[in-house]
Each structure stands twice: as structure tokens, then as C-alpha cells.
Amino acid sequence: MTHKEKHPQKLKIWDPIVRILHWTLVIAFMTAWLSSGQWQTLHEWAGYTVGVVVVLRIIWGIIGTRHARFINFTYSPKEILQHLRNMRHGHERHYDGHNPAGSAMVFLLLGGLGLQAILGWLLTTHTFHENALIETVHPILGNALLIAAILHVIGVIISSKLTKQNIAKAMITGKKTKKRQE
């Protein structure tokens, strides 16, 4: 076994801003979801945090580093579906940054969480306080986002196994193993 095989090269993929925003969003969303209906002040502050993080991530997705910019991981619906088909058959192409399924989840979660934060904020305003439609949609969207987050984690686990990459660890360290040349 060569030195390169024992110690594969690590690539810096996700910068500290992406990683901090990602994990802050995870914590804030889970805090908001778990505190819903029980600790209103905590729920609201967690929701505000979600909103701020979504705005910051959108800004960083426009001006940030290479793998943070949305333009570098935008795929067509056809590419996303093909990627999911490949995963279902136990195959996945290596991507340095987000794969097509991960990309779709980034956009789904950022959009959904942004909408959720806006709806929650509207419920605190004089005009929309106790608005029946928003009061109905807000918890339904929260549960749908939890399901999406669970699917995201499952996708990360499957993709990690298929690519032999620890994607969750990469979102902590910022580094992924470089694909070996065949």
C-alpha cells in the first residue's frame, strides 16, 4: 500500500461560514420545532435565528467561496432525477461539493425555512396575529421541513456509503477525500 493510499489527499470544500451557518440552522430549527407550543419566547427567538441564518446563507450563496456559491451546485430536474436513479441502483458519481440531490435539498430547505420564518414572524404582527390560515400552515410546514431534514440526513448517510466519504464529518471539518484516479 502506497503512502497516498494510506493517507488520501483531503480537499478543502466547505468554508467555515458555510459550516457555521449549516450547524446554526440545524440547532435553531430543531430548537424552534421542539419548543413549538411550549416555550413561545424560545420558539420565536429560534425562529428569528433561522430567518437570519437563511438570509446570511443566501448572501453567502451569491458572494461566497467556490463551493458555497449556488451557481456552482445548481442542477436541472433531469440531472437530479438521474442522480437519484443512480443512487437507487447503488451508484453515485463523485462530486467535490454538493451532489444534485444535496443541491436540491439545500434549495428546498433554505426556501422552506425562509418561508417558515416569515410566516412565524407574521403571526407576531398586529395585522396577522391569530390569522387562521397562517396558524394552520405554519405547523404543517414545520413538520414537512422536519421530514425533509430527516430525508436529508438519510440521503447523506446513503451518499456517504456509496462514495465512501463521511459527508457529515466533511461538514464539520470542511474537508472531503479527493477521489482517487482510476
C-alpha atoms as a PDB file:
ATOM      1  CA  MET A   1       0.000   0.000   0.000  1.00  0.00           C
ATOM      2  CA  THR A   2       1.457   3.350  -1.012  1.00  0.00           C
ATOM      3  CA  HIS A   3       1.627   6.459   1.137  1.00  0.00           C
ATOM      4  CA  LYS A   4      -1.155   8.048  -0.977  1.00  0.00           C
ATOM      5  CA  GLU A   5      -3.471   5.085  -0.385  1.00  0.00           C
ATOM      6  CA  LYS A   6      -2.822   5.185   3.383  1.00  0.00           C
ATOM      7  CA  HIS A   7      -3.328   8.931   3.562  1.00  0.00           C
ATOM      8  CA  PRO A   8      -5.676  10.071   0.801  1.00  0.00           C
ATOM      9  CA  GLN A   9      -5.493  13.741  -0.117  1.00  0.00           C
ATOM     10  CA  LYS A  10      -8.073  15.950   1.574  1.00  0.00           C
ATOM     11  CA  LEU A  11      -9.701  18.803  -0.323  1.00  0.00           C
ATOM     12  CA  LYS A  12     -10.985  21.919   1.440  1.00  0.00           C
ATOM     13  CA  ILE A  13     -14.600  22.086   0.276  1.00  0.00           C
ATOM     14  CA  TRP A  14     -16.843  23.890   2.748  1.00  0.00           C
ATOM     15  CA  ASP A  15     -15.532  27.090   4.287  1.00  0.00           C
ATOM     16  CA  PRO A  16     -16.113  27.993   7.953  1.00  0.00           C
ATOM     17  CA  ILE A  17     -19.021  30.316   7.122  1.00  0.00           C
ATOM     18  CA  VAL A  18     -20.936  27.539   5.316  1.00  0.00           C
ATOM     19  CA  ARG A  19     -20.287  25.126   8.178  1.00  0.00           C
ATOM     20  CA  ILE A  20     -21.202  27.575  10.944  1.00  0.00           C
ATOM     21  CA  LEU A  21     -24.394  28.611   9.149  1.00  0.00           C
ATOM     22  CA  HIS A  22     -25.294  24.965   8.461  1.00  0.00           C
ATOM     23  CA  TRP A  23     -24.964  23.821  12.069  1.00  0.00           C
ATOM     24  CA  THR A  24     -26.547  27.011  13.449  1.00  0.00           C
ATOM     25  CA  LEU A  25     -29.513  26.368  11.171  1.00  0.00           C
ATOM     26  CA  VAL A  26     -29.759  22.757  12.376  1.00  0.00           C
ATOM     27  CA  ILE A  27     -29.735  23.827  16.033  1.00  0.00           C
ATOM     28  CA  ALA A  28     -32.099  26.775  15.533  1.00  0.00           C
ATOM     29  CA  PHE A  29     -34.623  24.779  13.513  1.00  0.00           C
ATOM     30  CA  MET A  30     -34.626  21.873  15.975  1.00  0.00           C
ATOM     31  CA  THR A  31     -34.988  24.314  18.880  1.00  0.00           C
ATOM     32  CA  ALA A  32     -37.901  26.033  17.146  1.00  0.00           C
ATOM     33  CA  TRP A  33     -39.567  22.733  16.274  1.00  0.00           C
ATOM     34  CA  LEU A  34     -39.135  21.241  19.760  1.00  0.00           C
ATOM     35  CA  SER A  35     -40.254  24.416  21.571  1.00  0.00           C
ATOM     36  CA  SER A  36     -43.367  24.932  19.434  1.00  0.00           C
ATOM     37  CA  GLY A  37     -46.447  25.386  21.590  1.00  0.00           C
ATOM     38  CA  GLN A  38     -44.474  25.056  24.836  1.00  0.00           C
ATOM     39  CA  TRP A  39     -41.903  27.821  25.216  1.00  0.00           C
ATOM     40  CA  GLN A  40     -43.125  30.615  22.977  1.00  0.00           C
ATOM     41  CA  THR A  41     -40.274  33.056  23.613  1.00  0.00           C
ATOM     42  CA  LEU A  42     -37.642  30.388  22.897  1.00  0.00           C
ATOM     43  CA  HIS A  43     -39.635  29.307  19.832  1.00  0.00           C
ATOM     44  CA  GLU A  44     -39.768  32.855  18.480  1.00  0.00           C
ATOM     45  CA  TRP A  45     -36.055  33.561  19.038  1.00  0.00           C
ATOM     46  CA  ALA A  46     -35.110  30.265  17.439  1.00  0.00           C
ATOM     47  CA  GLY A  47     -37.347  31.204  14.504  1.00  0.00           C
ATOM     48  CA  TYR A  48     -35.711  34.614  14.186  1.00  0.00           C
ATOM     49  CA  THR A  49     -32.337  32.874  14.216  1.00  0.00           C
ATOM     50  CA  VAL A  50     -33.500  30.591  11.393  1.00  0.00           C
ATOM     51  CA  GLY A  51     -34.586  33.643   9.398  1.00  0.00           C
ATOM     52  CA  VAL A  52     -31.287  35.475   9.897  1.00  0.00           C
ATOM     53  CA  VAL A  53     -29.235  32.379   9.033  1.00  0.00           C
ATOM     54  CA  VAL A  54     -31.258  31.796   5.856  1.00  0.00           C
ATOM     55  CA  VAL A  55     -30.646  35.398   4.755  1.00  0.00           C
ATOM     56  CA  LEU A  56     -26.925  35.132   5.547  1.00  0.00           C
ATOM     57  CA  ARG A  57     -26.673  31.809   3.668  1.00  0.00           C
ATOM     58  CA  ILE A  58     -28.394  33.314   0.634  1.00  0.00           C
ATOM     59  CA  ILE A  59     -25.941  36.218   0.664  1.00  0.00           C
ATOM     60  CA  TRP A  60     -23.007  33.798   1.047  1.00  0.00           C
ATOM     61  CA  GLY A  61     -24.506  31.653  -1.720  1.00  0.00           C
ATOM     62  CA  ILE A  62     -24.109  34.634  -4.030  1.00  0.00           C
ATOM     63  CA  ILE A  63     -20.768  36.119  -2.935  1.00  0.00           C
ATOM     64  CA  GLY A  64     -19.083  33.287  -1.029  1.00  0.00           C
ATOM     65  CA  THR A  65     -16.361  30.809  -1.802  1.00  0.00           C
ATOM     66  CA  ARG A  66     -16.484  28.423  -4.767  1.00  0.00           C
ATOM     67  CA  HIS A  67     -18.392  25.546  -3.151  1.00  0.00           C
ATOM     68  CA  ALA A  68     -20.650  27.940  -1.234  1.00  0.00           C
ATOM     69  CA  ARG A  69     -21.964  29.729  -4.323  1.00  0.00           C
ATOM     70  CA  PHE A  70     -25.318  28.457  -5.571  1.00  0.00           C
ATOM     71  CA  ILE A  71     -24.259  28.825  -9.189  1.00  0.00           C
ATOM     72  CA  ASN A  72     -21.688  26.064  -8.623  1.00  0.00           C
ATOM     73  CA  PHE A  73     -24.209  23.497  -7.454  1.00  0.00           C
ATOM     74  CA  THR A  74     -27.340  24.201  -9.447  1.00  0.00           C
ATOM     75  CA  TYR A  75     -28.616  21.187 -11.367  1.00  0.00           C
ATOM     76  CA  SER A  76     -31.586  20.641 -13.657  1.00  0.00           C
ATOM     77  CA  PRO A  77     -34.524  18.488 -12.527  1.00  0.00           C
ATOM     78  CA  LYS A  78     -33.386  15.894 -15.086  1.00  0.00           C
ATOM     79  CA  GLU A  79     -29.897  15.755 -13.521  1.00  0.00           C
ATOM     80  CA  ILE A  80     -31.389  15.447 -10.025  1.00  0.00           C
ATOM     81  CA  LEU A  81     -33.691  12.592 -11.048  1.00  0.00           C
ATOM     82  CA  GLN A  82     -30.857  10.791 -12.847  1.00  0.00           C
ATOM     83  CA  HIS A  83     -28.678  11.141  -9.762  1.00  0.00           C
ATOM     84  CA  LEU A  84     -31.444   9.675  -7.561  1.00  0.00           C
ATOM     85  CA  ARG A  85     -31.884   6.777 -10.017  1.00  0.00           C
ATOM     86  CA  ASN A  86     -28.148   6.102  -9.884  1.00  0.00           C
ATOM     87  CA  MET A  87     -28.219   6.160  -6.078  1.00  0.00           C
ATOM     88  CA  ARG A  88     -31.158   3.735  -6.057  1.00  0.00           C
ATOM     89  CA  HIS A  89     -29.035   1.338  -8.123  1.00  0.00           C
ATOM     90  CA  GLY A  90     -26.075   1.717  -5.773  1.00  0.00           C
ATOM     91  CA  HIS A  91     -24.012   4.044  -7.941  1.00  0.00           C
ATOM     92  CA  GLU A  92     -23.020   7.603  -7.350  1.00  0.00           C
ATOM     93  CA  ARG A  93     -20.616   9.836  -9.184  1.00  0.00           C
ATOM     94  CA  HIS A  94     -18.120  11.725  -7.033  1.00  0.00           C
ATOM     95  CA  TYR A  95     -18.794  15.436  -6.532  1.00  0.00           C
ATOM     96  CA  ASP A  96     -16.354  17.673  -4.702  1.00  0.00           C
ATOM     97  CA  GLY A  97     -19.209  19.796  -3.334  1.00  0.00           C
ATOM     98  CA  HIS A  98     -22.956  19.146  -3.273  1.00  0.00           C
ATOM     99  CA  ASN A  99     -24.287  16.375  -5.480  1.00  0.00           C
ATOM    100  CA  PRO A 100     -27.556  17.020  -7.376  1.00  0.00           C
ATOM    101  CA  ALA A 101     -29.743  15.547  -4.611  1.00  0.00           C
ATOM    102  CA  GLY A 102     -27.921  17.530  -1.938  1.00  0.00           C
ATOM    103  CA  SER A 103     -28.238  20.645  -4.054  1.00  0.00           C
ATOM    104  CA  ALA A 104     -31.995  20.168  -4.393  1.00  0.00           C
ATOM    105  CA  MET A 105     -32.246  19.724  -0.621  1.00  0.00           C
ATOM    106  CA  VAL A 106     -30.245  22.923   0.014  1.00  0.00           C
ATOM    107  CA  PHE A 107     -32.692  24.927  -2.088  1.00  0.00           C
ATOM    108  CA  LEU A 108     -35.758  23.161  -0.663  1.00  0.00           C
ATOM    109  CA  LEU A 109     -34.674  23.636   2.941  1.00  0.00           C
ATOM    110  CA  LEU A 110     -33.487  27.234   2.544  1.00  0.00           C
ATOM    111  CA  GLY A 111     -36.695  28.196   0.743  1.00  0.00           C
ATOM    112  CA  GLY A 112     -38.930  26.308   3.154  1.00  0.00           C
ATOM    113  CA  LEU A 113     -37.146  27.563   6.252  1.00  0.00           C
ATOM    114  CA  GLY A 114     -37.200  31.123   4.935  1.00  0.00           C
ATOM    115  CA  LEU A 115     -40.941  30.883   4.306  1.00  0.00           C
ATOM    116  CA  GLN A 116     -41.454  29.306   7.728  1.00  0.00           C
ATOM    117  CA  ALA A 117     -39.573  32.144   9.442  1.00  0.00           C
ATOM    118  CA  ILE A 118     -41.639  34.747   7.574  1.00  0.00           C
ATOM    119  CA  LEU A 119     -44.914  33.009   8.495  1.00  0.00           C
ATOM    120  CA  GLY A 120     -43.873  32.768  12.125  1.00  0.00           C
ATOM    121  CA  TRP A 121     -42.889  36.429  12.199  1.00  0.00           C
ATOM    122  CA  LEU A 122     -46.216  37.404  10.596  1.00  0.00           C
ATOM    123  CA  LEU A 123     -48.028  35.704  13.470  1.00  0.00           C
ATOM    124  CA  THR A 124     -46.293  38.129  15.859  1.00  0.00           C
ATOM    125  CA  THR A 125     -47.566  41.202  13.994  1.00  0.00           C
ATOM    126  CA  HIS A 126     -50.739  43.087  14.780  1.00  0.00           C
ATOM    127  CA  THR A 127     -52.141  42.515  11.284  1.00  0.00           C
ATOM    128  CA  PHE A 128     -51.653  38.728  11.117  1.00  0.00           C
ATOM    129  CA  HIS A 129     -51.805  37.758  14.805  1.00  0.00           C
ATOM    130  CA  GLU A 130     -54.256  34.850  15.068  1.00  0.00           C
ATOM    131  CA  ASN A 131     -54.625  34.589  11.273  1.00  0.00           C
ATOM    132  CA  ALA A 132     -56.299  31.201  10.798  1.00  0.00           C
ATOM    133  CA  LEU A 133     -54.581  30.382   7.510  1.00  0.00           C
ATOM    134  CA  ILE A 134     -51.084  31.169   8.767  1.00  0.00           C
ATOM    135  CA  GLU A 135     -51.788  29.409  12.088  1.00  0.00           C
ATOM    136  CA  THR A 136     -52.735  26.313  10.064  1.00  0.00           C
ATOM    137  CA  VAL A 137     -49.890  26.438   7.533  1.00  0.00           C
ATOM    138  CA  HIS A 138     -47.058  27.263   9.993  1.00  0.00           C
ATOM    139  CA  PRO A 139     -47.105  23.965  11.961  1.00  0.00           C
ATOM    140  CA  ILE A 140     -47.791  21.889   8.844  1.00  0.00           C
ATOM    141  CA  LEU A 141     -44.803  23.470   7.097  1.00  0.00           C
ATOM    142  CA  GLY A 142     -42.695  22.921  10.224  1.00  0.00           C
ATOM    143  CA  ASN A 143     -43.499  19.204  10.189  1.00  0.00           C
ATOM    144  CA  ALA A 144     -42.876  18.986   6.436  1.00  0.00           C
ATOM    145  CA  LEU A 145     -39.482  20.640   6.954  1.00  0.00           C
ATOM    146  CA  LEU A 146     -38.658  18.150   9.707  1.00  0.00           C
ATOM    147  CA  ILE A 147     -39.463  15.304   7.292  1.00  0.00           C
ATOM    148  CA  ALA A 148     -37.277  16.977   4.638  1.00  0.00           C
ATOM    149  CA  ALA A 149     -34.434  17.300   7.162  1.00  0.00           C
ATOM    150  CA  ILE A 150     -34.758  13.612   8.066  1.00  0.00           C
ATOM    151  CA  LEU A 151     -34.684  12.710   4.353  1.00  0.00           C
ATOM    152  CA  HIS A 152     -31.605  14.921   4.019  1.00  0.00           C
ATOM    153  CA  VAL A 153     -29.839  13.003   6.803  1.00  0.00           C
ATOM    154  CA  ILE A 154     -30.825   9.671   5.218  1.00  0.00           C
ATOM    155  CA  GLY A 155     -29.515  10.909   1.861  1.00  0.00           C
ATOM    156  CA  VAL A 156     -26.231  11.960   3.477  1.00  0.00           C
ATOM    157  CA  ILE A 157     -25.866   8.505   5.047  1.00  0.00           C
ATOM    158  CA  ILE A 158     -26.604   6.713   1.750  1.00  0.00           C
ATOM    159  CA  SER A 159     -24.364   9.019  -0.257  1.00  0.00           C
ATOM    160  CA  SER A 160     -21.577   8.612   2.324  1.00  0.00           C
ATOM    161  CA  LYS A 161     -21.766   4.833   1.957  1.00  0.00           C
ATOM    162  CA  LEU A 162     -21.887   4.910  -1.848  1.00  0.00           C
ATOM    163  CA  THR A 163     -18.994   7.352  -2.219  1.00  0.00           C
ATOM    164  CA  LYS A 164     -17.029   6.092   0.800  1.00  0.00           C
ATOM    165  CA  GLN A 165     -16.952   9.700   2.053  1.00  0.00           C
ATOM    166  CA  ASN A 166     -18.023  10.796   5.530  1.00  0.00           C
ATOM    167  CA  ILE A 167     -20.124  13.735   4.362  1.00  0.00           C
ATOM    168  CA  ALA A 168     -21.313  14.682   7.853  1.00  0.00           C
ATOM    169  CA  LYS A 169     -17.696  14.819   9.044  1.00  0.00           C
ATOM    170  CA  ALA A 170     -16.838  16.916   5.992  1.00  0.00           C
ATOM    171  CA  MET A 171     -19.496  19.418   7.063  1.00  0.00           C
ATOM    172  CA  ILE A 172     -17.638  19.684  10.383  1.00  0.00           C
ATOM    173  CA  THR A 173     -14.047  19.729   9.109  1.00  0.00           C
ATOM    174  CA  GLY A 174     -14.715  21.321   5.726  1.00  0.00           C
ATOM    175  CA  LYS A 175     -12.621  18.645   4.015  1.00  0.00           C
ATOM    176  CA  LYS A 176     -13.518  15.728   1.775  1.00  0.00           C
ATOM    177  CA  THR A 177     -11.256  12.981   0.495  1.00  0.00           C
ATOM    178  CA  LYS A 178     -10.103  13.565  -3.048  1.00  0.00           C
ATOM    179  CA  LYS A 179     -11.372  10.951  -5.469  1.00  0.00           C
ATOM    180  CA  ARG A 180      -8.589   8.586  -6.464  1.00  0.00           C
ATOM    181  CA  GLN A 181      -7.622   8.453 -10.100  1.00  0.00           C
ATOM    182  CA  GLU A 182      -8.671   5.097 -11.528  1.00  0.00           C
END
